[in-house]
Amino acid sequence: VLTQNGKAAGVLLSPAEFDRLTERARFLSAIDEGLEDERE
């Protein structure tokens, strides 16, 4: 966590952690889309 004037200003992630988080977000989004398709 990078701070500026004592407040959080940004977060630095490793490339591997960034990839893990974005892959997880895409997976969860695909689940949401599938559930919406089923509801509709």
PDB file of all heavy atoms in Angstrom:
ATOM      1  N   VAL A   1       0.857  -1.181   0.000  1.00  0.00           N
ATOM      2  CA  VAL A   1       0.000   0.000   0.000  1.00  0.00           C
ATOM      3  C   VAL A   1       0.894   1.232   0.000  1.00  0.00           C
ATOM      4  O   VAL A   1       1.749   1.401   0.871  1.00  0.00           O
ATOM      5  CB  VAL A   1      -0.934   0.012   1.230  1.00  0.00           C
ATOM      6  CG1 VAL A   1      -1.797   1.280   1.231  1.00  0.00           C
ATOM      7  CG2 VAL A   1      -1.806  -1.239   1.255  1.00  0.00           C
ATOM      8  N   LEU A   2       0.701   2.079  -1.008  1.00  0.00           N
ATOM      9  CA  LEU A   2       1.459   3.324  -1.110  1.00  0.00           C
ATOM     10  C   LEU A   2       0.618   4.446  -0.528  1.00  0.00           C
ATOM     11  O   LEU A   2      -0.568   4.565  -0.841  1.00  0.00           O
ATOM     12  CB  LEU A   2       1.794   3.627  -2.571  1.00  0.00           C
ATOM     13  CG  LEU A   2       2.556   2.535  -3.322  1.00  0.00           C
ATOM     14  CD1 LEU A   2       2.706   2.896  -4.782  1.00  0.00           C
ATOM     15  CD2 LEU A   2       3.895   2.283  -2.675  1.00  0.00           C
ATOM     16  N   THR A   3       1.237   5.252   0.325  1.00  0.00           N
ATOM     17  CA  THR A   3       0.513   6.352   0.942  1.00  0.00           C
ATOM     18  C   THR A   3       1.040   7.686   0.436  1.00  0.00           C
ATOM     19  O   THR A   3       2.198   7.823   0.046  1.00  0.00           O
ATOM     20  CB  THR A   3       0.628   6.322   2.481  1.00  0.00           C
ATOM     21  OG1 THR A   3       1.999   6.482   2.851  1.00  0.00           O
ATOM     22  CG2 THR A   3       0.069   5.042   3.049  1.00  0.00           C
ATOM     23  N   GLN A   4       0.158   8.653   0.439  1.00  0.00           N
ATOM     24  CA  GLN A   4       0.506  10.024   0.071  1.00  0.00           C
ATOM     25  C   GLN A   4      -0.201  10.920   1.079  1.00  0.00           C
ATOM     26  O   GLN A   4      -1.418  10.809   1.263  1.00  0.00           O
ATOM     27  CB  GLN A   4       0.045  10.315  -1.350  1.00  0.00           C
ATOM     28  CG  GLN A   4       0.583  11.581  -1.928  1.00  0.00           C
ATOM     29  CD  GLN A   4       0.284  11.654  -3.425  1.00  0.00           C
ATOM     30  OE1 GLN A   4      -0.738  11.153  -3.886  1.00  0.00           O
ATOM     31  NE2 GLN A   4       1.177  12.269  -4.161  1.00  0.00           N
ATOM     32  N   ASN A   5       0.569  11.748   1.729  1.00  0.00           N
ATOM     33  CA  ASN A   5       0.038  12.604   2.791  1.00  0.00           C
ATOM     34  C   ASN A   5      -0.698  11.794   3.857  1.00  0.00           C
ATOM     35  O   ASN A   5      -1.738  12.190   4.366  1.00  0.00           O
ATOM     36  CB  ASN A   5      -0.892  13.681   2.222  1.00  0.00           C
ATOM     37  CG  ASN A   5      -0.174  14.579   1.240  1.00  0.00           C
ATOM     38  OD1 ASN A   5       0.987  14.938   1.450  1.00  0.00           O
ATOM     39  ND2 ASN A   5      -0.837  14.929   0.165  1.00  0.00           N
ATOM     40  N   GLY A   6      -0.145  10.609   4.166  1.00  0.00           N
ATOM     41  CA  GLY A   6      -0.693   9.773   5.225  1.00  0.00           C
ATOM     42  C   GLY A   6      -1.933   8.969   4.867  1.00  0.00           C
ATOM     43  O   GLY A   6      -2.481   8.270   5.709  1.00  0.00           O
ATOM     44  N   LYS A   7      -2.371   9.047   3.628  1.00  0.00           N
ATOM     45  CA  LYS A   7      -3.564   8.309   3.209  1.00  0.00           C
ATOM     46  C   LYS A   7      -3.212   7.347   2.077  1.00  0.00           C
ATOM     47  O   LYS A   7      -2.337   7.631   1.266  1.00  0.00           O
ATOM     48  CB  LYS A   7      -4.654   9.265   2.733  1.00  0.00           C
ATOM     49  CG  LYS A   7      -5.175  10.171   3.825  1.00  0.00           C
ATOM     50  CD  LYS A   7      -6.267  11.057   3.309  1.00  0.00           C
ATOM     51  CE  LYS A   7      -6.758  11.965   4.432  1.00  0.00           C
ATOM     52  NZ  LYS A   7      -7.785  12.866   3.967  1.00  0.00           N
ATOM     53  N   ALA A   8      -3.923   6.237   2.024  1.00  0.00           N
ATOM     54  CA  ALA A   8      -3.682   5.270   0.952  1.00  0.00           C
ATOM     55  C   ALA A   8      -3.903   5.940  -0.397  1.00  0.00           C
ATOM     56  O   ALA A   8      -4.909   6.603  -0.620  1.00  0.00           O
ATOM     57  CB  ALA A   8      -4.609   4.075   1.107  1.00  0.00           C
ATOM     58  N   ALA A   9      -2.922   5.784  -1.303  1.00  0.00           N
ATOM     59  CA  ALA A   9      -3.004   6.403  -2.624  1.00  0.00           C
ATOM     60  C   ALA A   9      -2.958   5.367  -3.741  1.00  0.00           C
ATOM     61  O   ALA A   9      -3.343   5.652  -4.871  1.00  0.00           O
ATOM     62  CB  ALA A   9      -1.871   7.396  -2.806  1.00  0.00           C
ATOM     63  N   GLY A  10      -2.504   4.158  -3.433  1.00  0.00           N
ATOM     64  CA  GLY A  10      -2.420   3.125  -4.453  1.00  0.00           C
ATOM     65  C   GLY A  10      -1.954   1.824  -3.839  1.00  0.00           C
ATOM     66  O   GLY A  10      -1.514   1.790  -2.687  1.00  0.00           O
ATOM     67  N   VAL A  11      -2.062   0.765  -4.626  1.00  0.00           N
ATOM     68  CA  VAL A  11      -1.632  -0.553  -4.184  1.00  0.00           C
ATOM     69  C   VAL A  11      -0.776  -1.164  -5.276  1.00  0.00           C
ATOM     70  O   VAL A  11      -1.173  -1.177  -6.444  1.00  0.00           O
ATOM     71  CB  VAL A  11      -2.839  -1.472  -3.872  1.00  0.00           C
ATOM     72  CG1 VAL A  11      -2.374  -2.867  -3.479  1.00  0.00           C
ATOM     73  CG2 VAL A  11      -3.703  -0.861  -2.791  1.00  0.00           C
ATOM     74  N   LEU A  12       0.374  -1.659  -4.901  1.00  0.00           N
ATOM     75  CA  LEU A  12       1.286  -2.317  -5.820  1.00  0.00           C
ATOM     76  C   LEU A  12       1.119  -3.821  -5.675  1.00  0.00           C
ATOM     77  O   LEU A  12       1.187  -4.352  -4.567  1.00  0.00           O
ATOM     78  CB  LEU A  12       2.727  -1.918  -5.491  1.00  0.00           C
ATOM     79  CG  LEU A  12       3.829  -2.591  -6.301  1.00  0.00           C
ATOM     80  CD1 LEU A  12       3.770  -2.126  -7.752  1.00  0.00           C
ATOM     81  CD2 LEU A  12       5.180  -2.292  -5.690  1.00  0.00           C
ATOM     82  N   LEU A  13       0.860  -4.493  -6.795  1.00  0.00           N
ATOM     83  CA  LEU A  13       0.716  -5.948  -6.812  1.00  0.00           C
ATOM     84  C   LEU A  13       1.764  -6.549  -7.727  1.00  0.00           C
ATOM     85  O   LEU A  13       2.141  -5.943  -8.737  1.00  0.00           O
ATOM     86  CB  LEU A  13      -0.659  -6.356  -7.346  1.00  0.00           C
ATOM     87  CG  LEU A  13      -1.879  -5.917  -6.581  1.00  0.00           C
ATOM     88  CD1 LEU A  13      -3.139  -6.269  -7.364  1.00  0.00           C
ATOM     89  CD2 LEU A  13      -1.912  -6.565  -5.216  1.00  0.00           C
ATOM     90  N   SER A  14       2.183  -7.769  -7.421  1.00  0.00           N
ATOM     91  CA  SER A  14       3.063  -8.484  -8.340  1.00  0.00           C
ATOM     92  C   SER A  14       2.254  -8.849  -9.580  1.00  0.00           C
ATOM     93  O   SER A  14       1.022  -8.965  -9.516  1.00  0.00           O
ATOM     94  CB  SER A  14       3.606  -9.746  -7.684  1.00  0.00           C
ATOM     95  OG  SER A  14       2.568 -10.699  -7.522  1.00  0.00           O
ATOM     96  N   PRO A  15       2.918  -9.060 -10.716  1.00  0.00           N
ATOM     97  CA  PRO A  15       2.184  -9.482 -11.916  1.00  0.00           C
ATOM     98  C   PRO A  15       1.401 -10.774 -11.689  1.00  0.00           C
ATOM     99  O   PRO A  15       0.265 -10.900 -12.147  1.00  0.00           O
ATOM    100  CB  PRO A  15       3.282  -9.676 -12.961  1.00  0.00           C
ATOM    101  CG  PRO A  15       4.373  -8.749 -12.522  1.00  0.00           C
ATOM    102  CD  PRO A  15       4.335  -8.794 -11.013  1.00  0.00           C
ATOM    103  N   ALA A  16       1.977 -11.718 -10.954  1.00  0.00           N
ATOM    104  CA  ALA A  16       1.276 -12.984 -10.705  1.00  0.00           C
ATOM    105  C   ALA A  16       0.010 -12.761  -9.882  1.00  0.00           C
ATOM    106  O   ALA A  16      -1.036 -13.357 -10.159  1.00  0.00           O
ATOM    107  CB  ALA A  16       2.206 -13.965  -9.994  1.00  0.00           C
ATOM    108  N   GLU A  17       0.093 -11.910  -8.884  1.00  0.00           N
ATOM    109  CA  GLU A  17      -1.082 -11.639  -8.050  1.00  0.00           C
ATOM    110  C   GLU A  17      -2.139 -10.880  -8.849  1.00  0.00           C
ATOM    111  O   GLU A  17      -3.329 -11.145  -8.728  1.00  0.00           O
ATOM    112  CB  GLU A  17      -0.680 -10.851  -6.798  1.00  0.00           C
ATOM    113  CG  GLU A  17      -1.790 -10.660  -5.805  1.00  0.00           C
ATOM    114  CD  GLU A  17      -2.332 -11.952  -5.183  1.00  0.00           C
ATOM    115  OE1 GLU A  17      -1.776 -13.034  -5.393  1.00  0.00           O
ATOM    116  OE2 GLU A  17      -3.362 -11.861  -4.483  1.00  0.00           O
ATOM    117  N   PHE A  18      -1.699  -9.932  -9.677  1.00  0.00           N
ATOM    118  CA  PHE A  18      -2.640  -9.206 -10.534  1.00  0.00           C
ATOM    119  C   PHE A  18      -3.366 -10.188 -11.458  1.00  0.00           C
ATOM    120  O   PHE A  18      -4.591 -10.135 -11.597  1.00  0.00           O
ATOM    121  CB  PHE A  18      -1.909  -8.139 -11.350  1.00  0.00           C
ATOM    122  CG  PHE A  18      -2.808  -7.404 -12.292  1.00  0.00           C
ATOM    123  CD1 PHE A  18      -3.597  -6.352 -11.842  1.00  0.00           C
ATOM    124  CD2 PHE A  18      -2.883  -7.759 -13.629  1.00  0.00           C
ATOM    125  CE1 PHE A  18      -4.444  -5.676 -12.706  1.00  0.00           C
ATOM    126  CE2 PHE A  18      -3.725  -7.092 -14.498  1.00  0.00           C
ATOM    127  CZ  PHE A  18      -4.509  -6.046 -14.039  1.00  0.00           C
ATOM    128  N   ASP A  19      -2.611 -11.104 -12.090  1.00  0.00           N
ATOM    129  CA  ASP A  19      -3.216 -12.106 -12.971  1.00  0.00           C
ATOM    130  C   ASP A  19      -4.211 -12.967 -12.209  1.00  0.00           C
ATOM    131  O   ASP A  19      -5.310 -13.258 -12.705  1.00  0.00           O
ATOM    132  CB  ASP A  19      -2.148 -13.004 -13.596  1.00  0.00           C
ATOM    133  CG  ASP A  19      -1.335 -12.304 -14.663  1.00  0.00           C
ATOM    134  OD1 ASP A  19      -1.756 -11.216 -15.133  1.00  0.00           O
ATOM    135  OD2 ASP A  19      -0.267 -12.845 -15.027  1.00  0.00           O
ATOM    136  N   ARG A  20      -3.855 -13.403 -10.994  1.00  0.00           N
ATOM    137  CA  ARG A  20      -4.752 -14.233 -10.193  1.00  0.00           C
ATOM    138  C   ARG A  20      -6.056 -13.500  -9.908  1.00  0.00           C
ATOM    139  O   ARG A  20      -7.140 -14.051 -10.063  1.00  0.00           O
ATOM    140  CB  ARG A  20      -4.071 -14.630  -8.881  1.00  0.00           C
ATOM    141  CG  ARG A  20      -4.870 -15.627  -8.059  1.00  0.00           C
ATOM    142  CD  ARG A  20      -4.256 -15.848  -6.683  1.00  0.00           C
ATOM    143  NE  ARG A  20      -4.492 -14.721  -5.805  1.00  0.00           N
ATOM    144  CZ  ARG A  20      -5.631 -14.469  -5.175  1.00  0.00           C
ATOM    145  NH1 ARG A  20      -6.669 -15.269  -5.333  1.00  0.00           N
ATOM    146  NH2 ARG A  20      -5.767 -13.436  -4.389  1.00  0.00           N
ATOM    147  N   LEU A  21      -5.944 -12.242  -9.532  1.00  0.00           N
ATOM    148  CA  LEU A  21      -7.142 -11.458  -9.211  1.00  0.00           C
ATOM    149  C   LEU A  21      -8.009 -11.210 -10.441  1.00  0.00           C
ATOM    150  O   LEU A  21      -9.237 -11.309 -10.374  1.00  0.00           O
ATOM    151  CB  LEU A  21      -6.748 -10.129  -8.563  1.00  0.00           C
ATOM    152  CG  LEU A  21      -6.189 -10.231  -7.150  1.00  0.00           C
ATOM    153  CD1 LEU A  21      -5.666  -8.868  -6.694  1.00  0.00           C
ATOM    154  CD2 LEU A  21      -7.221 -10.760  -6.181  1.00  0.00           C
ATOM    155  N   THR A  22      -7.383 -10.885 -11.578  1.00  0.00           N
ATOM    156  CA  THR A  22      -8.186 -10.620 -12.777  1.00  0.00           C
ATOM    157  C   THR A  22      -8.815 -11.904 -13.322  1.00  0.00           C
ATOM    158  O   THR A  22      -9.950 -11.878 -13.808  1.00  0.00           O
ATOM    159  CB  THR A  22      -7.375  -9.908 -13.872  1.00  0.00           C
ATOM    160  OG1 THR A  22      -6.211 -10.675 -14.190  1.00  0.00           O
ATOM    161  CG2 THR A  22      -6.964  -8.510 -13.429  1.00  0.00           C
ATOM    162  N   GLU A  23      -8.098 -13.027 -13.238  1.00  0.00           N
ATOM    163  CA  GLU A  23      -8.684 -14.299 -13.666  1.00  0.00           C
ATOM    164  C   GLU A  23      -9.879 -14.659 -12.785  1.00  0.00           C
ATOM    165  O   GLU A  23     -10.902 -15.129 -13.279  1.00  0.00           O
ATOM    166  CB  GLU A  23      -7.642 -15.412 -13.632  1.00  0.00           C
ATOM    167  CG  GLU A  23      -6.633 -15.299 -14.756  1.00  0.00           C
ATOM    168  CD  GLU A  23      -5.425 -16.195 -14.578  1.00  0.00           C
ATOM    169  OE1 GLU A  23      -5.440 -17.085 -13.688  1.00  0.00           O
ATOM    170  OE2 GLU A  23      -4.450 -16.014 -15.330  1.00  0.00           O
ATOM    171  N   ARG A  24      -9.743 -14.434 -11.504  1.00  0.00           N
ATOM    172  CA  ARG A  24     -10.854 -14.708 -10.577  1.00  0.00           C
ATOM    173  C   ARG A  24     -12.044 -13.810 -10.898  1.00  0.00           C
ATOM    174  O   ARG A  24     -13.192 -14.269 -10.921  1.00  0.00           O
ATOM    175  CB  ARG A  24     -10.394 -14.502  -9.143  1.00  0.00           C
ATOM    176  CG  ARG A  24     -11.469 -14.767  -8.128  1.00  0.00           C
ATOM    177  CD  ARG A  24     -10.927 -14.559  -6.713  1.00  0.00           C
ATOM    178  NE  ARG A  24     -11.980 -14.590  -5.739  1.00  0.00           N
ATOM    179  CZ  ARG A  24     -12.357 -15.653  -5.059  1.00  0.00           C
ATOM    180  NH1 ARG A  24     -11.753 -16.803  -5.251  1.00  0.00           N
ATOM    181  NH2 ARG A  24     -13.338 -15.580  -4.186  1.00  0.00           N
ATOM    182  N   ALA A  25     -11.776 -12.536 -11.182  1.00  0.00           N
ATOM    183  CA  ALA A  25     -12.863 -11.606 -11.509  1.00  0.00           C
ATOM    184  C   ALA A  25     -13.573 -12.034 -12.794  1.00  0.00           C
ATOM    185  O   ALA A  25     -14.806 -11.994 -12.871  1.00  0.00           O
ATOM    186  CB  ALA A  25     -12.325 -10.184 -11.642  1.00  0.00           C
ATOM    187  N   ARG A  26     -12.801 -12.462 -13.812  1.00  0.00           N
ATOM    188  CA  ARG A  26     -13.421 -12.931 -15.061  1.00  0.00           C
ATOM    189  C   ARG A  26     -14.258 -14.188 -14.817  1.00  0.00           C
ATOM    190  O   ARG A  26     -15.348 -14.331 -15.358  1.00  0.00           O
ATOM    191  CB  ARG A  26     -12.355 -13.201 -16.124  1.00  0.00           C
ATOM    192  CG  ARG A  26     -11.805 -11.941 -16.759  1.00  0.00           C
ATOM    193  CD  ARG A  26     -10.971 -12.237 -18.009  1.00  0.00           C
ATOM    194  NE  ARG A  26      -9.868 -13.132 -17.760  1.00  0.00           N
ATOM    195  CZ  ARG A  26      -8.646 -12.759 -17.390  1.00  0.00           C
ATOM    196  NH1 ARG A  26      -8.379 -11.489 -17.209  1.00  0.00           N
ATOM    197  NH2 ARG A  26      -7.694 -13.651 -17.200  1.00  0.00           N
ATOM    198  N   PHE A  27     -13.760 -15.100 -13.987  1.00  0.00           N
ATOM    199  CA  PHE A  27     -14.488 -16.325 -13.678  1.00  0.00           C
ATOM    200  C   PHE A  27     -15.804 -15.993 -12.978  1.00  0.00           C
ATOM    201  O   PHE A  27     -16.867 -16.503 -13.354  1.00  0.00           O
ATOM    202  CB  PHE A  27     -13.618 -17.226 -12.798  1.00  0.00           C
ATOM    203  CG  PHE A  27     -14.300 -18.482 -12.358  1.00  0.00           C
ATOM    204  CD1 PHE A  27     -14.495 -19.526 -13.254  1.00  0.00           C
ATOM    205  CD2 PHE A  27     -14.739 -18.635 -11.056  1.00  0.00           C
ATOM    206  CE1 PHE A  27     -15.134 -20.697 -12.854  1.00  0.00           C
ATOM    207  CE2 PHE A  27     -15.372 -19.803 -10.648  1.00  0.00           C
ATOM    208  CZ  PHE A  27     -15.563 -20.830 -11.547  1.00  0.00           C
ATOM    209  N   LEU A  28     -15.749 -15.124 -11.976  1.00  0.00           N
ATOM    210  CA  LEU A  28     -16.965 -14.748 -11.258  1.00  0.00           C
ATOM    211  C   LEU A  28     -17.951 -14.025 -12.164  1.00  0.00           C
ATOM    212  O   LEU A  28     -19.163 -14.224 -12.068  1.00  0.00           O
ATOM    213  CB  LEU A  28     -16.619 -13.898 -10.036  1.00  0.00           C
ATOM    214  CG  LEU A  28     -15.866 -14.643  -8.930  1.00  0.00           C
ATOM    215  CD1 LEU A  28     -15.420 -13.671  -7.840  1.00  0.00           C
ATOM    216  CD2 LEU A  28     -16.690 -15.768  -8.357  1.00  0.00           C
ATOM    217  N   SER A  29     -17.442 -13.205 -13.077  1.00  0.00           N
ATOM    218  CA  SER A  29     -18.303 -12.512 -14.032  1.00  0.00           C
ATOM    219  C   SER A  29     -18.999 -13.520 -14.958  1.00  0.00           C
ATOM    220  O   SER A  29     -20.190 -13.379 -15.257  1.00  0.00           O
ATOM    221  CB  SER A  29     -17.486 -11.518 -14.854  1.00  0.00           C
ATOM    222  OG  SER A  29     -18.291 -10.879 -15.799  1.00  0.00           O
ATOM    223  N   ALA A  30     -18.265 -14.533 -15.396  1.00  0.00           N
ATOM    224  CA  ALA A  30     -18.855 -15.556 -16.259  1.00  0.00           C
ATOM    225  C   ALA A  30     -19.954 -16.317 -15.517  1.00  0.00           C
ATOM    226  O   ALA A  30     -21.001 -16.647 -16.095  1.00  0.00           O
ATOM    227  CB  ALA A  30     -17.780 -16.526 -16.757  1.00  0.00           C
ATOM    228  N   ILE A  31     -19.746 -16.591 -14.251  1.00  0.00           N
ATOM    229  CA  ILE A  31     -20.783 -17.247 -13.443  1.00  0.00           C
ATOM    230  C   ILE A  31     -22.022 -16.355 -13.369  1.00  0.00           C
ATOM    231  O   ILE A  31     -23.147 -16.824 -13.565  1.00  0.00           O
ATOM    232  CB  ILE A  31     -20.254 -17.583 -12.038  1.00  0.00           C
ATOM    233  CG1 ILE A  31     -19.235 -18.712 -12.121  1.00  0.00           C
ATOM    234  CG2 ILE A  31     -21.406 -17.962 -11.100  1.00  0.00           C
ATOM    235  CD1 ILE A  31     -18.521 -18.996 -10.818  1.00  0.00           C
ATOM    236  N   ASP A  32     -21.806 -15.064 -13.086  1.00  0.00           N
ATOM    237  CA  ASP A  32     -22.941 -14.134 -13.017  1.00  0.00           C
ATOM    238  C   ASP A  32     -23.705 -14.096 -14.343  1.00  0.00           C
ATOM    239  O   ASP A  32     -24.935 -14.089 -14.356  1.00  0.00           O
ATOM    240  CB  ASP A  32     -22.462 -12.725 -12.659  1.00  0.00           C
ATOM    241  CG  ASP A  32     -22.055 -12.602 -11.205  1.00  0.00           C
ATOM    242  OD1 ASP A  32     -22.442 -13.457 -10.388  1.00  0.00           O
ATOM    243  OD2 ASP A  32     -21.328 -11.629 -10.893  1.00  0.00           O
ATOM    244  N   GLU A  33     -22.982 -14.076 -15.461  1.00  0.00           N
ATOM    245  CA  GLU A  33     -23.632 -14.065 -16.778  1.00  0.00           C
ATOM    246  C   GLU A  33     -24.447 -15.336 -16.991  1.00  0.00           C
ATOM    247  O   GLU A  33     -25.571 -15.286 -17.502  1.00  0.00           O
ATOM    248  CB  GLU A  33     -22.588 -13.917 -17.885  1.00  0.00           C
ATOM    249  CG  GLU A  33     -21.979 -12.541 -17.979  1.00  0.00           C
ATOM    250  CD  GLU A  33     -20.893 -12.468 -19.037  1.00  0.00           C
ATOM    251  OE1 GLU A  33     -20.951 -13.245 -20.026  1.00  0.00           O
ATOM    252  OE2 GLU A  33     -19.982 -11.640 -18.882  1.00  0.00           O
ATOM    253  N   GLY A  34     -23.874 -16.476 -16.601  1.00  0.00           N
ATOM    254  CA  GLY A  34     -24.592 -17.741 -16.747  1.00  0.00           C
ATOM    255  C   GLY A  34     -25.859 -17.786 -15.901  1.00  0.00           C
ATOM    256  O   GLY A  34     -26.905 -18.246 -16.356  1.00  0.00           O
ATOM    257  N   LEU A  35     -25.759 -17.288 -14.675  1.00  0.00           N
ATOM    258  CA  LEU A  35     -26.937 -17.252 -13.812  1.00  0.00           C
ATOM    259  C   LEU A  35     -27.999 -16.313 -14.369  1.00  0.00           C
ATOM    260  O   LEU A  35     -29.204 -16.619 -14.315  1.00  0.00           O
ATOM    261  CB  LEU A  35     -26.538 -16.836 -12.390  1.00  0.00           C
ATOM    262  CG  LEU A  35     -25.702 -17.863 -11.623  1.00  0.00           C
ATOM    263  CD1 LEU A  35     -25.186 -17.259 -10.324  1.00  0.00           C
ATOM    264  CD2 LEU A  35     -26.489 -19.133 -11.366  1.00  0.00           C
ATOM    265  N   GLU A  36     -27.576 -15.198 -14.941  1.00  0.00           N
ATOM    266  CA  GLU A  36     -28.519 -14.262 -15.557  1.00  0.00           C
ATOM    267  C   GLU A  36     -29.175 -14.910 -16.774  1.00  0.00           C
ATOM    268  O   GLU A  36     -30.391 -14.773 -16.976  1.00  0.00           O
ATOM    269  CB  GLU A  36     -27.808 -12.966 -15.960  1.00  0.00           C
ATOM    270  CG  GLU A  36     -28.706 -11.943 -16.625  1.00  0.00           C
ATOM    271  CD  GLU A  36     -29.793 -11.377 -15.715  1.00  0.00           C
ATOM    272  OE1 GLU A  36     -29.665 -11.466 -14.478  1.00  0.00           O
ATOM    273  OE2 GLU A  36     -30.786 -10.859 -16.252  1.00  0.00           O
ATOM    274  N   ASP A  37     -28.395 -15.614 -17.589  1.00  0.00           N
ATOM    275  CA  ASP A  37     -28.966 -16.332 -18.734  1.00  0.00           C
ATOM    276  C   ASP A  37     -30.023 -17.328 -18.271  1.00  0.00           C
ATOM    277  O   ASP A  37     -31.105 -17.431 -18.866  1.00  0.00           O
ATOM    278  CB  ASP A  37     -27.874 -17.074 -19.510  1.00  0.00           C
ATOM    279  CG  ASP A  37     -27.030 -16.152 -20.365  1.00  0.00           C
ATOM    280  OD1 ASP A  37     -27.439 -14.990 -20.589  1.00  0.00           O
ATOM    281  OD2 ASP A  37     -25.943 -16.598 -20.796  1.00  0.00           O
ATOM    282  N   GLU A  38     -29.731 -18.043 -17.199  1.00  0.00           N
ATOM    283  CA  GLU A  38     -30.690 -19.030 -16.682  1.00  0.00           C
ATOM    284  C   GLU A  38     -31.956 -18.326 -16.191  1.00  0.00           C
ATOM    285  O   GLU A  38     -33.065 -18.757 -16.496  1.00  0.00           O
ATOM    286  CB  GLU A  38     -30.040 -19.842 -15.552  1.00  0.00           C
ATOM    287  CG  GLU A  38     -30.807 -21.086 -15.172  1.00  0.00           C
ATOM    288  CD  GLU A  38     -31.946 -20.830 -14.209  1.00  0.00           C
ATOM    289  OE1 GLU A  38     -31.855 -19.905 -13.379  1.00  0.00           O
ATOM    290  OE2 GLU A  38     -32.940 -21.557 -14.293  1.00  0.00           O
ATOM    291  N   ARG A  39     -31.811 -17.223 -15.474  1.00  0.00           N
ATOM    292  CA  ARG A  39     -32.981 -16.477 -14.980  1.00  0.00           C
ATOM    293  C   ARG A  39     -33.835 -15.953 -16.124  1.00  0.00           C
ATOM    294  O   ARG A  39     -35.055 -15.917 -16.037  1.00  0.00           O
ATOM    295  CB  ARG A  39     -32.539 -15.304 -14.106  1.00  0.00           C
ATOM    296  CG  ARG A  39     -32.280 -15.648 -12.663  1.00  0.00           C
ATOM    297  CD  ARG A  39     -32.112 -14.412 -11.800  1.00  0.00           C
ATOM    298  NE  ARG A  39     -30.953 -13.610 -12.156  1.00  0.00           N
ATOM    299  CZ  ARG A  39     -29.713 -13.816 -11.726  1.00  0.00           C
ATOM    300  NH1 ARG A  39     -29.450 -14.809 -10.917  1.00  0.00           N
ATOM    301  NH2 ARG A  39     -28.734 -13.023 -12.116  1.00  0.00           N
ATOM    302  N   GLU A  40     -33.191 -15.541 -17.212  1.00  0.00           N
ATOM    303  CA  GLU A  40     -33.900 -14.967 -18.358  1.00  0.00           C
ATOM    304  C   GLU A  40     -34.360 -16.024 -19.362  1.00  0.00           C
ATOM    305  O   GLU A  40     -34.917 -15.690 -20.400  1.00  0.00           O
ATOM    306  CB  GLU A  40     -33.014 -13.939 -19.058  1.00  0.00           C
ATOM    307  CG  GLU A  40     -32.651 -12.737 -18.204  1.00  0.00           C
ATOM    308  CD  GLU A  40     -33.850 -11.882 -17.868  1.00  0.00           C
ATOM    309  OE1 GLU A  40     -34.751 -11.736 -18.726  1.00  0.00           O
ATOM    310  OE2 GLU A  40     -33.908 -11.361 -16.735  1.00  0.00           O
TER     311      GLU A  40
END
